[in-house]
């Protein structure tokens, strides 16, 4: 197998110097041949200048427009490697992180994605990788830090989402890549992993592979914390309307939606209410995608998928 490592960059002049050298070293040390590319998402800072002067050996691909994670959709059409590793510009890596991600693809043809154990940038605590998803009180919920998660951090297994990791390029394209329904971002990684699981394609967590993440540095800087939370709520509704088919889940959603929104409004949780109001105009787009997904093969049911990560 061969690998392309793709670092998505937007206004990362302060991040490239700090993170890119570790990724370059990992590509050099990997037993699996791995070529490195920085995808520039129309940066408005000195990113391109820094790449040209200080990282001239690294390939650079200029995105036609900034589509956040959806930029990957167009990029992967331009390459022919079997595996593509997606990374953010605010991630540094251990020098041996690549081979551990590639190994599961060599052992199982049904693997769709493998993600690393993600630590805080200073290495002091675990941030994610082993993602758990549920339908709780009629709404979609997903988290990497959940009850008793500490006991499972060092154990390989299934996951429900990953914003970065190694992907089977052909399967990624067959799924249509990240869905711009969620643009500018949040939960598009849950969505693509869920759709892969529906086809019986596995998303895996591999703790031997380690990365260090600043935590959505560029995204929060651009959109702000409150707007980011509103986007997350908006997209949780869109995820549900697009993907969930289980009749009991649908009944709970309809029955509990109004009380949940009323309670949120009365208790000052305005981000949930604003997220719902922003989701409603996109309901038609979500239902259109729901119709398209209905015509695709489905090997696993909603409850089976959500129960994979305990």
Foldseek 3Di string as FASTA:
>chain_A
DAEEEEEEDAQCPVLCVVAVVQVVLLCVPEPHNYAYEYEYQPHPDCVVVCCVPPVVVHHYHYQPHRLDQCSVLVVLVVDDDQKYWYHYSQKHWHSNQPVLFCVVVVVDVQAFWEAEFEAAQVRPGTAAQAKAWDQDQLWIDMGRDDPPNVVCSQPKFAHQFDPTGMGRSVLCVVLVHFDSLLPPDACSRNLSSVLSVQVVRTYMYHHVTYMHGNPCVVVCVVQNDLRVLLSNLLVRVLSCLQDADDPVSNVSNVVRVVVVLVVCVVVVVVSNVSSVVVNVVCSVVSNVNSVVSVPDHGDDHPVVVNPRRD
